[in-house]
Amino acid sequence: MTEFRFEDQTDASRWAMLRGDELVSVLDYRDDGRTVAMTRAYTVPTFRGHGYAGRLVAHAVAALEARGDRDVVPTCWYVADWFAANPRHRGILREPRSA
């Protein structure tokens, strides 16, 4: 079985999960130098139902945590749900601004 690999494709502003050369899932983002807005998680239909988007979000969050220089804004509903289900990673979330 072919192993999965993860790529931060900065030119396309997305994280990608690939199996061999085949695209499995993507996580689009906008990076302003201080925060990374995770805007869309998408899995190719033939790969859906196996938790690949969750694995990709986990990988991207771990990479950002290791860098330590960005906060995350989960604008995608899937990413927001992922953070709700994985509270130990909430420390990387940007604090909401006071009104």
PDB file of N, CA and C in Angstrom:
ATOM      1  N   MET A   1       0.826  -1.173   0.000  1.00  0.00           N
ATOM      2  CA  MET A   1       0.000   0.000   0.000  1.00  0.00           C
ATOM      3  C   MET A   1       0.882   1.253   0.000  1.00  0.00           C
ATOM      4  N   THR A   2       0.508   2.223  -0.777  1.00  0.00           N
ATOM      5  CA  THR A   2       1.252   3.469  -0.874  1.00  0.00           C
ATOM      6  C   THR A   2       1.006   4.320   0.362  1.00  0.00           C
ATOM      7  N   GLU A   3       2.073   4.892   0.884  1.00  0.00           N
ATOM      8  CA  GLU A   3       1.972   5.769   2.049  1.00  0.00           C
ATOM      9  C   GLU A   3       1.420   7.138   1.648  1.00  0.00           C
ATOM     10  N   PHE A   4       0.810   7.788   2.597  1.00  0.00           N
ATOM     11  CA  PHE A   4       0.330   9.146   2.399  1.00  0.00           C
ATOM     12  C   PHE A   4       1.457  10.116   2.704  1.00  0.00           C
ATOM     13  N   ARG A   5       1.439  11.241   2.011  1.00  0.00           N
ATOM     14  CA  ARG A   5       2.376  12.309   2.330  1.00  0.00           C
ATOM     15  C   ARG A   5       1.613  13.623   2.365  1.00  0.00           C
ATOM     16  N   PHE A   6       2.184  14.567   3.111  1.00  0.00           N
ATOM     17  CA  PHE A   6       1.567  15.869   3.295  1.00  0.00           C
ATOM     18  C   PHE A   6       2.503  16.927   2.738  1.00  0.00           C
ATOM     19  N   GLU A   7       1.926  17.904   2.049  1.00  0.00           N
ATOM     20  CA  GLU A   7       2.719  18.999   1.495  1.00  0.00           C
ATOM     21  C   GLU A   7       2.052  20.320   1.827  1.00  0.00           C
ATOM     22  N   ASP A   8       2.861  21.287   2.274  1.00  0.00           N
ATOM     23  CA  ASP A   8       2.382  22.654   2.401  1.00  0.00           C
ATOM     24  C   ASP A   8       2.686  23.319   1.060  1.00  0.00           C
ATOM     25  N   GLN A   9       1.691  23.428   0.230  1.00  0.00           N
ATOM     26  CA  GLN A   9       1.844  23.993  -1.110  1.00  0.00           C
ATOM     27  C   GLN A   9       1.579  25.495  -1.014  1.00  0.00           C
ATOM     28  N   THR A  10       2.602  26.225  -0.568  1.00  0.00           N
ATOM     29  CA  THR A  10       2.441  27.649  -0.270  1.00  0.00           C
ATOM     30  C   THR A  10       2.028  28.459  -1.494  1.00  0.00           C
ATOM     31  N   ASP A  11       2.490  28.092  -2.675  1.00  0.00           N
ATOM     32  CA  ASP A  11       2.101  28.831  -3.884  1.00  0.00           C
ATOM     33  C   ASP A  11       0.600  28.747  -4.141  1.00  0.00           C
ATOM     34  N   ALA A  12      -0.025  27.659  -3.714  1.00  0.00           N
ATOM     35  CA  ALA A  12      -1.466  27.466  -3.887  1.00  0.00           C
ATOM     36  C   ALA A  12      -2.243  27.788  -2.600  1.00  0.00           C
ATOM     37  N   SER A  13      -1.534  28.186  -1.542  1.00  0.00           N
ATOM     38  CA  SER A  13      -2.139  28.473  -0.236  1.00  0.00           C
ATOM     39  C   SER A  13      -2.995  27.312   0.249  1.00  0.00           C
ATOM     40  N   ARG A  14      -2.382  26.136   0.261  1.00  0.00           N
ATOM     41  CA  ARG A  14      -3.112  24.962   0.737  1.00  0.00           C
ATOM     42  C   ARG A  14      -2.150  23.898   1.228  1.00  0.00           C
ATOM     43  N   TRP A  15      -2.655  23.109   2.165  1.00  0.00           N
ATOM     44  CA  TRP A  15      -2.016  21.864   2.545  1.00  0.00           C
ATOM     45  C   TRP A  15      -2.647  20.782   1.672  1.00  0.00           C
ATOM     46  N   ALA A  16      -1.859  19.818   1.250  1.00  0.00           N
ATOM     47  CA  ALA A  16      -2.379  18.724   0.443  1.00  0.00           C
ATOM     48  C   ALA A  16      -1.960  17.396   1.061  1.00  0.00           C
ATOM     49  N   MET A  17      -2.859  16.433   0.959  1.00  0.00           N
ATOM     50  CA  MET A  17      -2.585  15.054   1.368  1.00  0.00           C
ATOM     51  C   MET A  17      -2.622  14.237   0.085  1.00  0.00           C
ATOM     52  N   LEU A  18      -1.532  13.514  -0.165  1.00  0.00           N
ATOM     53  CA  LEU A  18      -1.425  12.737  -1.396  1.00  0.00           C
ATOM     54  C   LEU A  18      -1.125  11.279  -1.086  1.00  0.00           C
ATOM     55  N   ARG A  19      -1.579  10.414  -1.946  1.00  0.00           N
ATOM     56  CA  ARG A  19      -1.215   8.995  -1.914  1.00  0.00           C
ATOM     57  C   ARG A  19      -0.502   8.742  -3.220  1.00  0.00           C
ATOM     58  N   GLY A  20       0.789   8.553  -3.146  1.00  0.00           N
ATOM     59  CA  GLY A  20       1.585   8.526  -4.371  1.00  0.00           C
ATOM     60  C   GLY A  20       1.512   9.911  -4.997  1.00  0.00           C
ATOM     61  N   ASP A  21       1.112   9.977  -6.257  1.00  0.00           N
ATOM     62  CA  ASP A  21       0.924  11.269  -6.928  1.00  0.00           C
ATOM     63  C   ASP A  21      -0.536  11.680  -6.967  1.00  0.00           C
ATOM     64  N   GLU A  22      -1.402  10.923  -6.311  1.00  0.00           N
ATOM     65  CA  GLU A  22      -2.838  11.166  -6.367  1.00  0.00           C
ATOM     66  C   GLU A  22      -3.297  12.056  -5.208  1.00  0.00           C
ATOM     67  N   LEU A  23      -3.991  13.147  -5.543  1.00  0.00           N
ATOM     68  CA  LEU A  23      -4.515  14.055  -4.539  1.00  0.00           C
ATOM     69  C   LEU A  23      -5.672  13.390  -3.796  1.00  0.00           C
ATOM     70  N   VAL A  24      -5.608  13.431  -2.468  1.00  0.00           N
ATOM     71  CA  VAL A  24      -6.634  12.836  -1.617  1.00  0.00           C
ATOM     72  C   VAL A  24      -7.487  13.921  -0.968  1.00  0.00           C
ATOM     73  N   SER A  25      -6.834  14.918  -0.381  1.00  0.00           N
ATOM     74  CA  SER A  25      -7.552  15.941   0.370  1.00  0.00           C
ATOM     75  C   SER A  25      -6.731  17.231   0.370  1.00  0.00           C
ATOM     76  N   VAL A  26      -7.428  18.376   0.498  1.00  0.00           N
ATOM     77  CA  VAL A  26      -6.751  19.672   0.590  1.00  0.00           C
ATOM     78  C   VAL A  26      -7.347  20.481   1.739  1.00  0.00           C
ATOM     79  N   LEU A  27      -6.525  21.363   2.259  1.00  0.00           N
ATOM     80  CA  LEU A  27      -6.937  22.319   3.273  1.00  0.00           C
ATOM     81  C   LEU A  27      -6.454  23.689   2.813  1.00  0.00           C
ATOM     82  N   ASP A  28      -7.379  24.494   2.317  1.00  0.00           N
ATOM     83  CA  ASP A  28      -7.044  25.835   1.837  1.00  0.00           C
ATOM     84  C   ASP A  28      -6.877  26.772   3.020  1.00  0.00           C
ATOM     85  N   TYR A  29      -5.981  27.762   2.858  1.00  0.00           N
ATOM     86  CA  TYR A  29      -5.753  28.722   3.927  1.00  0.00           C
ATOM     87  C   TYR A  29      -5.337  30.077   3.373  1.00  0.00           C
ATOM     88  N   ARG A  30      -5.446  31.088   4.231  1.00  0.00           N
ATOM     89  CA  ARG A  30      -4.905  32.425   3.965  1.00  0.00           C
ATOM     90  C   ARG A  30      -3.959  32.741   5.122  1.00  0.00           C
ATOM     91  N   ASP A  31      -2.729  33.085   4.792  1.00  0.00           N
ATOM     92  CA  ASP A  31      -1.706  33.373   5.796  1.00  0.00           C
ATOM     93  C   ASP A  31      -1.299  34.836   5.658  1.00  0.00           C
ATOM     94  N   ASP A  32      -1.545  35.636   6.705  1.00  0.00           N
ATOM     95  CA  ASP A  32      -1.191  37.057   6.652  1.00  0.00           C
ATOM     96  C   ASP A  32       0.112  37.365   7.397  1.00  0.00           C
ATOM     97  N   GLY A  33       0.841  36.321   7.791  1.00  0.00           N
ATOM     98  CA  GLY A  33       2.088  36.516   8.513  1.00  0.00           C
ATOM     99  C   GLY A  33       1.940  36.441  10.020  1.00  0.00           C
ATOM    100  N   ARG A  34       0.719  36.577  10.514  1.00  0.00           N
ATOM    101  CA  ARG A  34       0.437  36.458  11.950  1.00  0.00           C
ATOM    102  C   ARG A  34      -0.585  35.361  12.232  1.00  0.00           C
ATOM    103  N   THR A  35      -1.561  35.251  11.319  1.00  0.00           N
ATOM    104  CA  THR A  35      -2.620  34.251  11.489  1.00  0.00           C
ATOM    105  C   THR A  35      -2.794  33.464  10.198  1.00  0.00           C
ATOM    106  N   VAL A  36      -3.270  32.251  10.377  1.00  0.00           N
ATOM    107  CA  VAL A  36      -3.619  31.388   9.248  1.00  0.00           C
ATOM    108  C   VAL A  36      -5.115  31.119   9.355  1.00  0.00           C
ATOM    109  N   ALA A  37      -5.861  31.633   8.392  1.00  0.00           N
ATOM    110  CA  ALA A  37      -7.295  31.355   8.325  1.00  0.00           C
ATOM    111  C   ALA A  37      -7.460  30.078   7.504  1.00  0.00           C
ATOM    112  N   MET A  38      -7.965  29.041   8.137  1.00  0.00           N
ATOM    113  CA  MET A  38      -8.217  27.778   7.442  1.00  0.00           C
ATOM    114  C   MET A  38      -9.614  27.877   6.840  1.00  0.00           C
ATOM    115  N   THR A  39      -9.677  28.009   5.515  1.00  0.00           N
ATOM    116  CA  THR A  39     -10.905  28.415   4.847  1.00  0.00           C
ATOM    117  C   THR A  39     -11.729  27.293   4.242  1.00  0.00           C
ATOM    118  N   ARG A  40     -11.099  26.161   3.916  1.00  0.00           N
ATOM    119  CA  ARG A  40     -11.873  25.092   3.288  1.00  0.00           C
ATOM    120  C   ARG A  40     -11.117  23.779   3.388  1.00  0.00           C
ATOM    121  N   ALA A  41     -11.811  22.750   3.864  1.00  0.00           N
ATOM    122  CA  ALA A  41     -11.289  21.377   3.844  1.00  0.00           C
ATOM    123  C   ALA A  41     -12.088  20.625   2.789  1.00  0.00           C
ATOM    124  N   TYR A  42     -11.386  19.924   1.924  1.00  0.00           N
ATOM    125  CA  TYR A  42     -12.044  19.210   0.830  1.00  0.00           C
ATOM    126  C   TYR A  42     -11.349  17.875   0.622  1.00  0.00           C
ATOM    127  N   THR A  43     -12.142  16.834   0.472  1.00  0.00           N
ATOM    128  CA  THR A  43     -11.627  15.508   0.143  1.00  0.00           C
ATOM    129  C   THR A  43     -12.228  15.082  -1.189  1.00  0.00           C
ATOM    130  N   VAL A  44     -11.372  14.562  -2.052  1.00  0.00           N
ATOM    131  CA  VAL A  44     -11.820  14.052  -3.344  1.00  0.00           C
ATOM    132  C   VAL A  44     -12.902  12.995  -3.077  1.00  0.00           C
ATOM    133  N   PRO A  45     -14.025  13.059  -3.798  1.00  0.00           N
ATOM    134  CA  PRO A  45     -15.167  12.175  -3.496  1.00  0.00           C
ATOM    135  C   PRO A  45     -14.823  10.691  -3.364  1.00  0.00           C
ATOM    136  N   THR A  46     -13.933  10.168  -4.168  1.00  0.00           N
ATOM    137  CA  THR A  46     -13.617   8.734  -4.083  1.00  0.00           C
ATOM    138  C   THR A  46     -12.893   8.358  -2.796  1.00  0.00           C
ATOM    139  N   PHE A  47     -12.374   9.355  -2.072  1.00  0.00           N
ATOM    140  CA  PHE A  47     -11.651   9.096  -0.823  1.00  0.00           C
ATOM    141  C   PHE A  47     -12.456   9.463   0.422  1.00  0.00           C
ATOM    142  N   ARG A  48     -13.657   9.966   0.262  1.00  0.00           N
ATOM    143  CA  ARG A  48     -14.449  10.413   1.405  1.00  0.00           C
ATOM    144  C   ARG A  48     -14.849   9.252   2.315  1.00  0.00           C
ATOM    145  N   GLY A  49     -15.064   9.594   3.575  1.00  0.00           N
ATOM    146  CA  GLY A  49     -15.546   8.609   4.532  1.00  0.00           C
ATOM    147  C   GLY A  49     -14.460   7.836   5.251  1.00  0.00           C
ATOM    148  N   HIS A  50     -13.196   8.259   5.094  1.00  0.00           N
ATOM    149  CA  HIS A  50     -12.088   7.558   5.736  1.00  0.00           C
ATOM    150  C   HIS A  50     -11.321   8.421   6.730  1.00  0.00           C
ATOM    151  N   GLY A  51     -11.821   9.635   6.991  1.00  0.00           N
ATOM    152  CA  GLY A  51     -11.175  10.506   7.961  1.00  0.00           C
ATOM    153  C   GLY A  51      -9.951  11.243   7.441  1.00  0.00           C
ATOM    154  N   TYR A  52      -9.787  11.298   6.136  1.00  0.00           N
ATOM    155  CA  TYR A  52      -8.587  11.926   5.583  1.00  0.00           C
ATOM    156  C   TYR A  52      -8.541  13.428   5.836  1.00  0.00           C
ATOM    157  N   ALA A  53      -9.668  14.124   5.753  1.00  0.00           N
ATOM    158  CA  ALA A  53      -9.669  15.567   6.020  1.00  0.00           C
ATOM    159  C   ALA A  53      -9.222  15.829   7.455  1.00  0.00           C
ATOM    160  N   GLY A  54      -9.688  15.017   8.380  1.00  0.00           N
ATOM    161  CA  GLY A  54      -9.270  15.165   9.771  1.00  0.00           C
ATOM    162  C   GLY A  54      -7.781  14.935   9.958  1.00  0.00           C
ATOM    163  N   ARG A  55      -7.244  13.945   9.264  1.00  0.00           N
ATOM    164  CA  ARG A  55      -5.797  13.692   9.334  1.00  0.00           C
ATOM    165  C   ARG A  55      -5.017  14.869   8.776  1.00  0.00           C
ATOM    166  N   LEU A  56      -5.534  15.463   7.705  1.00  0.00           N
ATOM    167  CA  LEU A  56      -4.853  16.598   7.091  1.00  0.00           C
ATOM    168  C   LEU A  56      -4.894  17.815   8.011  1.00  0.00           C
ATOM    169  N   VAL A  57      -6.047  18.093   8.601  1.00  0.00           N
ATOM    170  CA  VAL A  57      -6.142  19.214   9.542  1.00  0.00           C
ATOM    171  C   VAL A  57      -5.187  18.974  10.712  1.00  0.00           C
ATOM    172  N   ALA A  58      -5.160  17.771  11.251  1.00  0.00           N
ATOM    173  CA  ALA A  58      -4.265  17.454  12.370  1.00  0.00           C
ATOM    174  C   ALA A  58      -2.813  17.690  11.984  1.00  0.00           C
ATOM    175  N   HIS A  59      -2.440  17.295  10.779  1.00  0.00           N
ATOM    176  CA  HIS A  59      -1.061  17.481  10.328  1.00  0.00           C
ATOM    177  C   HIS A  59      -0.731  18.970  10.207  1.00  0.00           C
ATOM    178  N   ALA A  60      -1.627  19.739   9.592  1.00  0.00           N
ATOM    179  CA  ALA A  60      -1.388  21.178   9.418  1.00  0.00           C
ATOM    180  C   ALA A  60      -1.299  21.878  10.772  1.00  0.00           C
ATOM    181  N   VAL A  61      -2.192  21.547  11.690  1.00  0.00           N
ATOM    182  CA  VAL A  61      -2.172  22.159  13.021  1.00  0.00           C
ATOM    183  C   VAL A  61      -0.873  21.810  13.746  1.00  0.00           C
ATOM    184  N   ALA A  62      -0.449  20.560  13.668  1.00  0.00           N
ATOM    185  CA  ALA A  62       0.803  20.152  14.317  1.00  0.00           C
ATOM    186  C   ALA A  62       1.989  20.923  13.737  1.00  0.00           C
ATOM    187  N   ALA A  63       2.002  21.111  12.424  1.00  0.00           N
ATOM    188  CA  ALA A  63       3.093  21.865  11.798  1.00  0.00           C
ATOM    189  C   ALA A  63       3.094  23.315  12.266  1.00  0.00           C
ATOM    190  N   LEU A  64       1.916  23.915  12.357  1.00  0.00           N
ATOM    191  CA  LEU A  64       1.828  25.300  12.824  1.00  0.00           C
ATOM    192  C   LEU A  64       2.195  25.419  14.298  1.00  0.00           C
ATOM    193  N   GLU A  65       1.790  24.445  15.099  1.00  0.00           N
ATOM    194  CA  GLU A  65       2.167  24.447  16.514  1.00  0.00           C
ATOM    195  C   GLU A  65       3.682  24.346  16.658  1.00  0.00           C
ATOM    196  N   ALA A  66       4.310  23.512  15.838  1.00  0.00           N
ATOM    197  CA  ALA A  66       5.762  23.348  15.901  1.00  0.00           C
ATOM    198  C   ALA A  66       6.477  24.637  15.506  1.00  0.00           C
ATOM    199  N   ARG A  67       5.943  25.344  14.517  1.00  0.00           N
ATOM    200  CA  ARG A  67       6.529  26.628  14.111  1.00  0.00           C
ATOM    201  C   ARG A  67       6.389  27.658  15.216  1.00  0.00           C
ATOM    202  N   GLY A  68       5.206  27.717  15.812  1.00  0.00           N
ATOM    203  CA  GLY A  68       4.972  28.600  16.941  1.00  0.00           C
ATOM    204  C   GLY A  68       4.840  30.075  16.616  1.00  0.00           C
ATOM    205  N   ASP A  69       4.703  30.438  15.348  1.00  0.00           N
ATOM    206  CA  ASP A  69       4.657  31.857  14.996  1.00  0.00           C
ATOM    207  C   ASP A  69       3.348  32.293  14.345  1.00  0.00           C
ATOM    208  N   ARG A  70       2.322  31.438  14.393  1.00  0.00           N
ATOM    209  CA  ARG A  70       1.032  31.772  13.793  1.00  0.00           C
ATOM    210  C   ARG A  70      -0.089  31.313  14.713  1.00  0.00           C
ATOM    211  N   ASP A  71      -1.170  32.097  14.716  1.00  0.00           N
ATOM    212  CA  ASP A  71      -2.420  31.669  15.320  1.00  0.00           C
ATOM    213  C   ASP A  71      -3.320  31.171  14.198  1.00  0.00           C
ATOM    214  N   VAL A  72      -4.336  30.415  14.546  1.00  0.00           N
ATOM    215  CA  VAL A  72      -5.258  29.856  13.556  1.00  0.00           C
ATOM    216  C   VAL A  72      -6.645  30.453  13.755  1.00  0.00           C
ATOM    217  N   VAL A  73      -7.276  30.756  12.630  1.00  0.00           N
ATOM    218  CA  VAL A  73      -8.676  31.174  12.614  1.00  0.00           C
ATOM    219  C   VAL A  73      -9.419  30.129  11.783  1.00  0.00           C
ATOM    220  N   PRO A  74     -10.271  29.319  12.412  1.00  0.00           N
ATOM    221  CA  PRO A  74     -10.971  28.255  11.682  1.00  0.00           C
ATOM    222  C   PRO A  74     -12.247  28.790  11.014  1.00  0.00           C
ATOM    223  N   THR A  75     -12.134  29.350   9.815  1.00  0.00           N
ATOM    224  CA  THR A  75     -13.317  29.883   9.137  1.00  0.00           C
ATOM    225  C   THR A  75     -14.137  28.792   8.460  1.00  0.00           C
ATOM    226  N   CYS A  76     -13.559  27.652   8.216  1.00  0.00           N
ATOM    227  CA  CYS A  76     -14.263  26.498   7.638  1.00  0.00           C
ATOM    228  C   CYS A  76     -14.985  25.749   8.770  1.00  0.00           C
ATOM    229  N   TRP A  77     -16.251  25.386   8.535  1.00  0.00           N
ATOM    230  CA  TRP A  77     -17.024  24.683   9.564  1.00  0.00           C
ATOM    231  C   TRP A  77     -16.351  23.371   9.968  1.00  0.00           C
ATOM    232  N   TYR A  78     -15.752  22.669   9.009  1.00  0.00           N
ATOM    233  CA  TYR A  78     -15.118  21.389   9.316  1.00  0.00           C
ATOM    234  C   TYR A  78     -13.944  21.593  10.273  1.00  0.00           C
ATOM    235  N   VAL A  79     -13.144  22.603  10.010  1.00  0.00           N
ATOM    236  CA  VAL A  79     -11.990  22.890  10.866  1.00  0.00           C
ATOM    237  C   VAL A  79     -12.456  23.322  12.252  1.00  0.00           C
ATOM    238  N   ALA A  80     -13.500  24.141  12.322  1.00  0.00           N
ATOM    239  CA  ALA A  80     -14.049  24.544  13.625  1.00  0.00           C
ATOM    240  C   ALA A  80     -14.527  23.320  14.404  1.00  0.00           C
ATOM    241  N   ASP A  81     -15.207  22.397  13.723  1.00  0.00           N
ATOM    242  CA  ASP A  81     -15.650  21.162  14.384  1.00  0.00           C
ATOM    243  C   ASP A  81     -14.458  20.315  14.827  1.00  0.00           C
ATOM    244  N   TRP A  82     -13.393  20.301  14.031  1.00  0.00           N
ATOM    245  CA  TRP A  82     -12.191  19.540  14.389  1.00  0.00           C
ATOM    246  C   TRP A  82     -11.608  20.090  15.692  1.00  0.00           C
ATOM    247  N   PHE A  83     -11.515  21.423  15.802  1.00  0.00           N
ATOM    248  CA  PHE A  83     -10.989  22.018  17.042  1.00  0.00           C
ATOM    249  C   PHE A  83     -11.909  21.717  18.225  1.00  0.00           C
ATOM    250  N   ALA A  84     -13.214  21.717  18.012  1.00  0.00           N
ATOM    251  CA  ALA A  84     -14.147  21.394  19.091  1.00  0.00           C
ATOM    252  C   ALA A  84     -13.940  19.960  19.576  1.00  0.00           C
ATOM    253  N   ALA A  85     -13.613  19.067  18.657  1.00  0.00           N
ATOM    254  CA  ALA A  85     -13.393  17.664  19.005  1.00  0.00           C
ATOM    255  C   ALA A  85     -11.982  17.391  19.519  1.00  0.00           C
ATOM    256  N   ASN A  86     -11.073  18.340  19.354  1.00  0.00           N
ATOM    257  CA  ASN A  86      -9.669  18.179  19.755  1.00  0.00           C
ATOM    258  C   ASN A  86      -9.238  19.376  20.610  1.00  0.00           C
ATOM    259  N   PRO A  87      -9.816  19.506  21.810  1.00  0.00           N
ATOM    260  CA  PRO A  87      -9.591  20.710  22.617  1.00  0.00           C
ATOM    261  C   PRO A  87      -8.140  20.943  23.028  1.00  0.00           C
ATOM    262  N   ARG A  88      -7.316  19.935  23.042  1.00  0.00           N
ATOM    263  CA  ARG A  88      -5.927  20.144  23.461  1.00  0.00           C
ATOM    264  C   ARG A  88      -5.157  21.028  22.476  1.00  0.00           C
ATOM    265  N   HIS A  89      -5.715  21.236  21.280  1.00  0.00           N
ATOM    266  CA  HIS A  89      -5.054  22.075  20.272  1.00  0.00           C
ATOM    267  C   HIS A  89      -5.604  23.499  20.231  1.00  0.00           C
ATOM    268  N   ARG A  90      -6.548  23.825  21.090  1.00  0.00           N
ATOM    269  CA  ARG A  90      -7.179  25.148  21.050  1.00  0.00           C
ATOM    270  C   ARG A  90      -6.228  26.290  21.404  1.00  0.00           C
ATOM    271  N   GLY A  91      -5.093  25.983  21.993  1.00  0.00           N
ATOM    272  CA  GLY A  91      -4.130  27.019  22.351  1.00  0.00           C
ATOM    273  C   GLY A  91      -3.586  27.772  21.147  1.00  0.00           C
ATOM    274  N   ILE A  92      -3.697  27.204  19.979  1.00  0.00           N
ATOM    275  CA  ILE A  92      -3.195  27.853  18.773  1.00  0.00           C
ATOM    276  C   ILE A  92      -4.232  28.782  18.148  1.00  0.00           C
ATOM    277  N   LEU A  93      -5.464  28.732  18.635  1.00  0.00           N
ATOM    278  CA  LEU A  93      -6.523  29.567  18.066  1.00  0.00           C
ATOM    279  C   LEU A  93      -6.323  31.036  18.432  1.00  0.00           C
ATOM    280  N   ARG A  94      -6.619  31.908  17.485  1.00  0.00           N
ATOM    281  CA  ARG A  94      -6.539  33.349  17.751  1.00  0.00           C
ATOM    282  C   ARG A  94      -7.642  33.714  18.742  1.00  0.00           C
ATOM    283  N   GLU A  95      -7.272  34.487  19.729  1.00  0.00           N
ATOM    284  CA  GLU A  95      -8.246  34.941  20.704  1.00  0.00           C
ATOM    285  C   GLU A  95      -9.202  35.917  20.030  1.00  0.00           C
ATOM    286  N   PRO A  96     -10.502  35.794  20.297  1.00  0.00           N
ATOM    287  CA  PRO A  96     -11.437  36.757  19.722  1.00  0.00           C
ATOM    288  C   PRO A  96     -11.177  38.152  20.270  1.00  0.00           C
ATOM    289  N   ARG A  97     -11.398  39.145  19.439  1.00  0.00           N
ATOM    290  CA  ARG A  97     -11.187  40.539  19.863  1.00  0.00           C
ATOM    291  C   ARG A  97     -12.342  40.978  20.735  1.00  0.00           C
ATOM    292  N   SER A  98     -12.042  41.789  21.720  1.00  0.00           N
ATOM    293  CA  SER A  98     -13.081  42.343  22.580  1.00  0.00           C
ATOM    294  C   SER A  98     -13.828  43.430  21.828  1.00  0.00           C
ATOM    295  N   ALA A  99     -15.103  43.562  22.138  1.00  0.00           N
ATOM    296  CA  ALA A  99     -15.928  44.588  21.471  1.00  0.00           C
ATOM    297  C   ALA A  99     -15.743  45.931  22.124  1.00  0.00           C
TER     298      ALA A  99
END
